[in-house]
Amino acid sequence: MDIDAVPQEGNATMAGHRKLMYARDASGRSVTVGSLGWEAEEIVTTHAVDGLVAQAEAARARVQAGLASPLEYWMYARRMDVALLSQTSGFWQWRVRRHLQPRRFAALSGRELARYADALGLTVSTLQQLP
């Protein structure tokens, strides 16, 4: 992309911030250029965030019905999935999936809860309940 083609339409999801993009200058070298983003990026980002909010609300309903643990709600509320929570917490993915079950979550030790709370940026007491 040439420097003149770097999008500067603006993107409300970036809240006025710029992001760095690579572009080609007049002599053909790669340089970095600040971009305000573009409308298509805003639409896609908004759609993705709406999907995550919907997942969190569905998880909230499952927790309230006793079908899921609060961990599932917090995972989606923090915009994570099983793979990302696994990486962040250090638990294997199969263990994270097990801990999404209320019975398994209730049996977690304080140390295991602390690992999840740290990965999600919460306190242990917050992790164990819905907001």
N, C-alpha and C. Protein backbone atom coordinates (compact mmCIF):
# COMPACT_ATOMS: atom_id res chain seq x y z
N MET A 1 0.85 -1.15 0.00
CA MET A 1 0.00 0.00 0.00
C MET A 1 0.90 1.23 0.00
N ASP A 2 0.54 2.21 -0.78
CA ASP A 2 1.28 3.46 -0.82
C ASP A 2 0.87 4.35 0.35
N ILE A 3 1.72 5.30 0.69
CA ILE A 3 1.45 6.21 1.81
C ILE A 3 0.11 6.92 1.61
N ASP A 4 -0.20 7.32 0.39
CA ASP A 4 -1.44 8.05 0.12
C ASP A 4 -2.67 7.16 0.28
N ALA A 5 -2.50 5.84 0.26
CA ALA A 5 -3.64 4.92 0.36
C ALA A 5 -3.94 4.48 1.79
N VAL A 6 -3.13 4.90 2.75
CA VAL A 6 -3.36 4.53 4.15
C VAL A 6 -4.68 5.16 4.60
N PRO A 7 -5.62 4.35 5.10
CA PRO A 7 -6.95 4.85 5.45
C PRO A 7 -6.92 5.89 6.57
N GLN A 8 -7.64 6.98 6.35
CA GLN A 8 -7.73 8.03 7.35
C GLN A 8 -9.19 8.44 7.57
N GLU A 9 -10.14 7.52 7.29
CA GLU A 9 -11.57 7.83 7.43
C GLU A 9 -11.98 8.04 8.87
N GLY A 10 -11.33 7.35 9.77
CA GLY A 10 -11.71 7.40 11.17
C GLY A 10 -12.49 6.15 11.54
N ASN A 11 -12.35 5.75 12.79
CA ASN A 11 -12.97 4.53 13.28
C ASN A 11 -13.35 4.79 14.73
N ALA A 12 -14.64 4.83 15.02
CA ALA A 12 -15.12 5.16 16.37
C ALA A 12 -14.62 4.16 17.41
N THR A 13 -14.37 2.91 17.01
CA THR A 13 -13.92 1.91 17.98
C THR A 13 -12.50 2.17 18.44
N MET A 14 -11.76 3.00 17.72
CA MET A 14 -10.39 3.32 18.12
C MET A 14 -10.34 4.54 19.04
N ALA A 15 -11.48 5.17 19.28
CA ALA A 15 -11.60 6.29 20.22
C ALA A 15 -10.59 7.41 19.94
N GLY A 16 -10.38 7.72 18.67
CA GLY A 16 -9.49 8.81 18.32
C GLY A 16 -8.01 8.46 18.28
N HIS A 17 -7.67 7.23 18.68
CA HIS A 17 -6.28 6.81 18.64
C HIS A 17 -5.89 6.44 17.21
N ARG A 18 -4.61 6.42 16.98
CA ARG A 18 -4.08 6.01 15.68
C ARG A 18 -3.43 4.65 15.83
N LYS A 19 -3.34 3.94 14.73
CA LYS A 19 -2.58 2.69 14.74
C LYS A 19 -1.51 2.79 13.66
N LEU A 20 -0.46 2.07 13.89
CA LEU A 20 0.68 2.11 12.99
C LEU A 20 0.50 1.10 11.87
N MET A 21 0.70 1.53 10.64
CA MET A 21 0.59 0.66 9.48
C MET A 21 1.85 0.82 8.63
N TYR A 22 2.14 -0.21 7.88
CA TYR A 22 3.27 -0.14 6.96
C TYR A 22 2.77 0.28 5.59
N ALA A 23 3.54 1.16 4.95
CA ALA A 23 3.20 1.63 3.61
C ALA A 23 4.50 1.84 2.84
N ARG A 24 4.36 2.01 1.55
CA ARG A 24 5.51 2.21 0.68
C ARG A 24 5.61 3.70 0.34
N ASP A 25 6.79 4.28 0.57
CA ASP A 25 6.97 5.69 0.24
C ASP A 25 7.29 5.85 -1.25
N ALA A 26 7.56 7.08 -1.67
CA ALA A 26 7.79 7.38 -3.09
C ALA A 26 9.00 6.65 -3.65
N SER A 27 9.98 6.33 -2.83
CA SER A 27 11.17 5.64 -3.32
C SER A 27 11.05 4.12 -3.19
N GLY A 28 9.88 3.63 -2.73
CA GLY A 28 9.65 2.19 -2.66
C GLY A 28 10.05 1.53 -1.35
N ARG A 29 10.49 2.33 -0.38
CA ARG A 29 10.86 1.76 0.91
C ARG A 29 9.63 1.60 1.80
N SER A 30 9.68 0.60 2.67
CA SER A 30 8.60 0.41 3.64
C SER A 30 8.81 1.37 4.80
N VAL A 31 7.78 2.11 5.12
CA VAL A 31 7.81 3.06 6.23
C VAL A 31 6.55 2.86 7.06
N THR A 32 6.55 3.39 8.27
CA THR A 32 5.36 3.31 9.11
C THR A 32 4.60 4.62 9.01
N VAL A 33 3.27 4.48 9.01
CA VAL A 33 2.38 5.64 8.88
C VAL A 33 1.24 5.46 9.88
N GLY A 34 0.86 6.53 10.57
CA GLY A 34 -0.27 6.48 11.48
C GLY A 34 -1.57 6.49 10.70
N SER A 35 -2.53 5.68 11.14
CA SER A 35 -3.81 5.59 10.46
C SER A 35 -4.94 5.78 11.47
N LEU A 36 -5.97 6.48 11.06
CA LEU A 36 -7.16 6.65 11.88
C LEU A 36 -8.14 5.50 11.67
N GLY A 37 -7.83 4.59 10.76
CA GLY A 37 -8.71 3.46 10.48
C GLY A 37 -9.70 3.78 9.38
N TRP A 38 -10.63 2.84 9.16
CA TRP A 38 -11.62 3.04 8.12
C TRP A 38 -12.94 2.40 8.53
N GLU A 39 -13.98 2.77 7.81
CA GLU A 39 -15.33 2.37 8.17
C GLU A 39 -15.52 0.86 8.18
N ALA A 40 -14.97 0.16 7.21
CA ALA A 40 -15.13 -1.30 7.15
C ALA A 40 -14.57 -1.96 8.41
N GLU A 41 -13.44 -1.48 8.87
CA GLU A 41 -12.83 -2.01 10.09
C GLU A 41 -13.73 -1.75 11.30
N GLU A 42 -14.34 -0.60 11.35
CA GLU A 42 -15.24 -0.26 12.44
C GLU A 42 -16.46 -1.20 12.46
N ILE A 43 -17.02 -1.47 11.30
CA ILE A 43 -18.18 -2.35 11.20
C ILE A 43 -17.83 -3.75 11.67
N VAL A 44 -16.71 -4.27 11.22
CA VAL A 44 -16.29 -5.62 11.60
C VAL A 44 -15.99 -5.69 13.10
N THR A 45 -15.30 -4.71 13.63
CA THR A 45 -14.97 -4.70 15.06
C THR A 45 -16.24 -4.63 15.90
N THR A 46 -17.16 -3.77 15.53
CA THR A 46 -18.42 -3.64 16.26
C THR A 46 -19.21 -4.95 16.23
N HIS A 47 -19.24 -5.59 15.07
CA HIS A 47 -19.95 -6.87 14.94
C HIS A 47 -19.31 -7.94 15.83
N ALA A 48 -17.99 -7.99 15.86
CA ALA A 48 -17.28 -8.97 16.70
C ALA A 48 -17.55 -8.72 18.18
N VAL A 49 -17.50 -7.48 18.60
CA VAL A 49 -17.76 -7.14 20.00
C VAL A 49 -19.20 -7.48 20.37
N ASP A 50 -20.15 -7.21 19.48
CA ASP A 50 -21.54 -7.56 19.74
C ASP A 50 -21.70 -9.07 19.92
N GLY A 51 -20.97 -9.85 19.13
CA GLY A 51 -21.01 -11.30 19.27
C GLY A 51 -20.47 -11.75 20.62
N LEU A 52 -19.40 -11.13 21.09
CA LEU A 52 -18.83 -11.47 22.39
C LEU A 52 -19.77 -11.09 23.53
N VAL A 53 -20.43 -9.96 23.40
CA VAL A 53 -21.40 -9.55 24.42
C VAL A 53 -22.56 -10.54 24.46
N ALA A 54 -23.01 -10.99 23.29
CA ALA A 54 -24.09 -11.98 23.24
C ALA A 54 -23.66 -13.30 23.88
N GLN A 55 -22.42 -13.72 23.62
CA GLN A 55 -21.90 -14.94 24.25
C GLN A 55 -21.86 -14.80 25.76
N ALA A 56 -21.45 -13.65 26.25
CA ALA A 56 -21.38 -13.42 27.70
C ALA A 56 -22.78 -13.46 28.31
N GLU A 57 -23.75 -12.87 27.63
CA GLU A 57 -25.12 -12.87 28.16
C GLU A 57 -25.73 -14.27 28.14
N ALA A 58 -25.42 -15.04 27.10
CA ALA A 58 -25.89 -16.43 27.04
C ALA A 58 -25.24 -17.24 28.16
N ALA A 59 -23.98 -16.98 28.42
CA ALA A 59 -23.28 -17.67 29.51
C ALA A 59 -23.87 -17.28 30.85
N ARG A 60 -24.24 -16.02 31.00
CA ARG A 60 -24.87 -15.55 32.24
C ARG A 60 -26.16 -16.33 32.50
N ALA A 61 -26.95 -16.51 31.45
CA ALA A 61 -28.21 -17.27 31.58
C ALA A 61 -27.93 -18.72 31.97
N ARG A 62 -26.88 -19.33 31.37
CA ARG A 62 -26.53 -20.71 31.72
C ARG A 62 -26.06 -20.81 33.17
N VAL A 63 -25.31 -19.81 33.64
CA VAL A 63 -24.84 -19.82 35.03
C VAL A 63 -26.04 -19.70 35.96
N GLN A 64 -26.95 -18.80 35.67
CA GLN A 64 -28.13 -18.62 36.51
C GLN A 64 -29.01 -19.86 36.53
N ALA A 65 -29.01 -20.63 35.42
CA ALA A 65 -29.79 -21.86 35.35
C ALA A 65 -29.05 -23.05 35.97
N GLY A 66 -27.81 -22.82 36.40
CA GLY A 66 -27.03 -23.90 37.01
C GLY A 66 -26.39 -24.84 36.02
N LEU A 67 -26.29 -24.42 34.76
CA LEU A 67 -25.73 -25.26 33.70
C LEU A 67 -24.26 -24.96 33.42
N ALA A 68 -23.75 -23.86 33.94
CA ALA A 68 -22.37 -23.46 33.69
C ALA A 68 -21.82 -22.78 34.94
N SER A 69 -20.50 -22.71 35.01
CA SER A 69 -19.86 -22.03 36.14
C SER A 69 -19.67 -20.55 35.81
N PRO A 70 -19.47 -19.72 36.82
CA PRO A 70 -19.22 -18.30 36.57
C PRO A 70 -17.97 -18.08 35.70
N LEU A 71 -17.08 -19.04 35.70
CA LEU A 71 -15.88 -18.94 34.86
C LEU A 71 -16.25 -18.74 33.40
N GLU A 72 -17.30 -19.40 32.94
CA GLU A 72 -17.71 -19.25 31.53
C GLU A 72 -18.14 -17.82 31.25
N TYR A 73 -18.93 -17.26 32.15
CA TYR A 73 -19.36 -15.87 31.95
C TYR A 73 -18.15 -14.94 31.90
N TRP A 74 -17.27 -15.06 32.88
CA TRP A 74 -16.13 -14.14 32.95
C TRP A 74 -15.19 -14.32 31.76
N MET A 75 -15.06 -15.54 31.28
CA MET A 75 -14.21 -15.80 30.11
C MET A 75 -14.72 -14.97 28.93
N TYR A 76 -16.02 -15.04 28.66
CA TYR A 76 -16.58 -14.29 27.53
C TYR A 76 -16.62 -12.79 27.82
N ALA A 77 -16.91 -12.41 29.06
CA ALA A 77 -16.97 -10.99 29.40
C ALA A 77 -15.60 -10.33 29.22
N ARG A 78 -14.54 -11.09 29.41
CA ARG A 78 -13.18 -10.57 29.22
C ARG A 78 -12.67 -10.81 27.80
N ARG A 79 -13.59 -11.15 26.91
CA ARG A 79 -13.29 -11.34 25.47
C ARG A 79 -12.25 -12.42 25.23
N MET A 80 -12.46 -13.54 25.89
CA MET A 80 -11.58 -14.69 25.72
C MET A 80 -12.39 -15.89 25.25
N ASP A 81 -11.68 -16.90 24.77
CA ASP A 81 -12.28 -18.19 24.49
C ASP A 81 -11.46 -19.22 25.26
N VAL A 82 -11.82 -20.50 25.09
CA VAL A 82 -11.13 -21.54 25.86
C VAL A 82 -9.64 -21.54 25.56
N ALA A 83 -9.27 -21.41 24.30
CA ALA A 83 -7.85 -21.44 23.93
C ALA A 83 -7.07 -20.30 24.58
N LEU A 84 -7.62 -19.10 24.54
CA LEU A 84 -6.91 -17.95 25.12
C LEU A 84 -6.86 -18.04 26.64
N LEU A 85 -7.95 -18.47 27.26
CA LEU A 85 -7.94 -18.62 28.72
C LEU A 85 -6.95 -19.70 29.13
N SER A 86 -6.85 -20.74 28.33
CA SER A 86 -5.88 -21.80 28.60
C SER A 86 -4.46 -21.25 28.56
N GLN A 87 -4.15 -20.50 27.54
CA GLN A 87 -2.81 -19.91 27.42
C GLN A 87 -2.52 -18.97 28.57
N THR A 88 -3.49 -18.15 28.93
CA THR A 88 -3.27 -17.13 29.95
C THR A 88 -3.18 -17.72 31.35
N SER A 89 -3.97 -18.75 31.61
CA SER A 89 -4.01 -19.33 32.95
C SER A 89 -2.99 -20.45 33.16
N GLY A 90 -2.55 -21.06 32.05
CA GLY A 90 -1.61 -22.16 32.16
C GLY A 90 -2.27 -23.52 32.32
N PHE A 91 -3.61 -23.57 32.28
CA PHE A 91 -4.32 -24.85 32.33
C PHE A 91 -4.46 -25.40 30.91
N TRP A 92 -4.46 -26.71 30.79
CA TRP A 92 -4.72 -27.33 29.49
C TRP A 92 -6.16 -26.98 29.08
N GLN A 93 -6.40 -26.93 27.76
CA GLN A 93 -7.74 -26.59 27.28
C GLN A 93 -8.80 -27.56 27.79
N TRP A 94 -8.50 -28.85 27.86
CA TRP A 94 -9.49 -29.81 28.32
C TRP A 94 -9.85 -29.55 29.78
N ARG A 95 -8.89 -29.06 30.56
CA ARG A 95 -9.18 -28.73 31.96
C ARG A 95 -10.05 -27.48 32.06
N VAL A 96 -9.76 -26.48 31.22
CA VAL A 96 -10.59 -25.27 31.21
C VAL A 96 -12.03 -25.65 30.88
N ARG A 97 -12.23 -26.50 29.86
CA ARG A 97 -13.58 -26.92 29.50
C ARG A 97 -14.27 -27.64 30.68
N ARG A 98 -13.54 -28.45 31.41
CA ARG A 98 -14.11 -29.13 32.59
C ARG A 98 -14.50 -28.13 33.65
N HIS A 99 -13.69 -27.10 33.83
CA HIS A 99 -13.95 -26.12 34.87
C HIS A 99 -15.13 -25.20 34.52
N LEU A 100 -15.60 -25.27 33.30
CA LEU A 100 -16.80 -24.52 32.93
C LEU A 100 -18.06 -25.19 33.47
N GLN A 101 -17.92 -26.42 33.95
CA GLN A 101 -19.03 -27.14 34.57
C GLN A 101 -19.12 -26.71 36.04
N PRO A 102 -20.34 -26.41 36.52
CA PRO A 102 -20.48 -25.90 37.89
C PRO A 102 -19.91 -26.83 38.96
N ARG A 103 -20.13 -28.12 38.82
CA ARG A 103 -19.65 -29.08 39.83
C ARG A 103 -18.13 -29.08 39.89
N ARG A 104 -17.49 -29.07 38.73
CA ARG A 104 -16.01 -29.08 38.68
C ARG A 104 -15.44 -27.75 39.18
N PHE A 105 -16.09 -26.65 38.83
CA PHE A 105 -15.63 -25.34 39.26
C PHE A 105 -15.70 -25.21 40.78
N ALA A 106 -16.77 -25.72 41.36
CA ALA A 106 -16.95 -25.64 42.82
C ALA A 106 -15.86 -26.41 43.56
N ALA A 107 -15.26 -27.39 42.91
CA ALA A 107 -14.23 -28.22 43.56
C ALA A 107 -12.81 -27.67 43.38
N LEU A 108 -12.67 -26.54 42.69
CA LEU A 108 -11.32 -25.99 42.46
C LEU A 108 -10.70 -25.51 43.77
N SER A 109 -9.40 -25.69 43.86
CA SER A 109 -8.68 -25.22 45.05
C SER A 109 -8.50 -23.70 44.96
N GLY A 110 -8.13 -23.11 46.07
CA GLY A 110 -7.86 -21.68 46.10
C GLY A 110 -6.75 -21.28 45.16
N ARG A 111 -5.78 -22.14 45.03
CA ARG A 111 -4.64 -21.87 44.13
C ARG A 111 -5.09 -21.85 42.66
N GLU A 112 -5.95 -22.81 42.31
CA GLU A 112 -6.45 -22.87 40.93
C GLU A 112 -7.36 -21.67 40.64
N LEU A 113 -8.20 -21.32 41.59
CA LEU A 113 -9.06 -20.15 41.42
C LEU A 113 -8.21 -18.88 41.26
N ALA A 114 -7.13 -18.79 42.01
CA ALA A 114 -6.24 -17.62 41.92
C ALA A 114 -5.61 -17.53 40.54
N ARG A 115 -5.26 -18.66 39.94
CA ARG A 115 -4.68 -18.65 38.58
C ARG A 115 -5.69 -18.09 37.59
N TYR A 116 -6.94 -18.55 37.70
CA TYR A 116 -7.98 -18.03 36.80
C TYR A 116 -8.24 -16.55 37.07
N ALA A 117 -8.34 -16.18 38.33
CA ALA A 117 -8.60 -14.78 38.68
C ALA A 117 -7.50 -13.87 38.14
N ASP A 118 -6.26 -14.30 38.27
CA ASP A 118 -5.14 -13.53 37.74
C ASP A 118 -5.22 -13.41 36.23
N ALA A 119 -5.53 -14.50 35.55
CA ALA A 119 -5.62 -14.50 34.09
C ALA A 119 -6.74 -13.59 33.60
N LEU A 120 -7.80 -13.48 34.38
CA LEU A 120 -8.96 -12.68 33.98
C LEU A 120 -8.93 -11.27 34.55
N GLY A 121 -7.94 -10.98 35.40
CA GLY A 121 -7.84 -9.65 35.99
C GLY A 121 -8.93 -9.39 37.02
N LEU A 122 -9.28 -10.43 37.79
CA LEU A 122 -10.33 -10.34 38.79
C LEU A 122 -9.81 -10.78 40.15
N THR A 123 -10.60 -10.53 41.17
CA THR A 123 -10.30 -11.14 42.46
C THR A 123 -10.99 -12.51 42.48
N VAL A 124 -10.57 -13.37 43.38
CA VAL A 124 -11.16 -14.70 43.47
C VAL A 124 -12.64 -14.60 43.82
N SER A 125 -12.98 -13.72 44.74
CA SER A 125 -14.39 -13.60 45.13
C SER A 125 -15.26 -13.10 43.97
N THR A 126 -14.74 -12.21 43.15
CA THR A 126 -15.48 -11.74 41.98
C THR A 126 -15.65 -12.87 40.97
N LEU A 127 -14.60 -13.66 40.77
CA LEU A 127 -14.63 -14.78 39.83
C LEU A 127 -15.72 -15.78 40.19
N GLN A 128 -15.98 -15.95 41.47
CA GLN A 128 -16.91 -16.98 41.91
C GLN A 128 -18.39 -16.57 41.83
N GLN A 129 -18.66 -15.37 41.36
CA GLN A 129 -20.05 -14.93 41.26
C GLN A 129 -20.27 -14.10 40.01
N LEU A 130 -21.52 -13.88 39.68
CA LEU A 130 -21.86 -13.01 38.55
C LEU A 130 -21.95 -11.57 39.03
N PRO A 131 -21.69 -10.63 38.15
CA PRO A 131 -21.79 -9.21 38.55
C PRO A 131 -23.26 -8.80 38.74
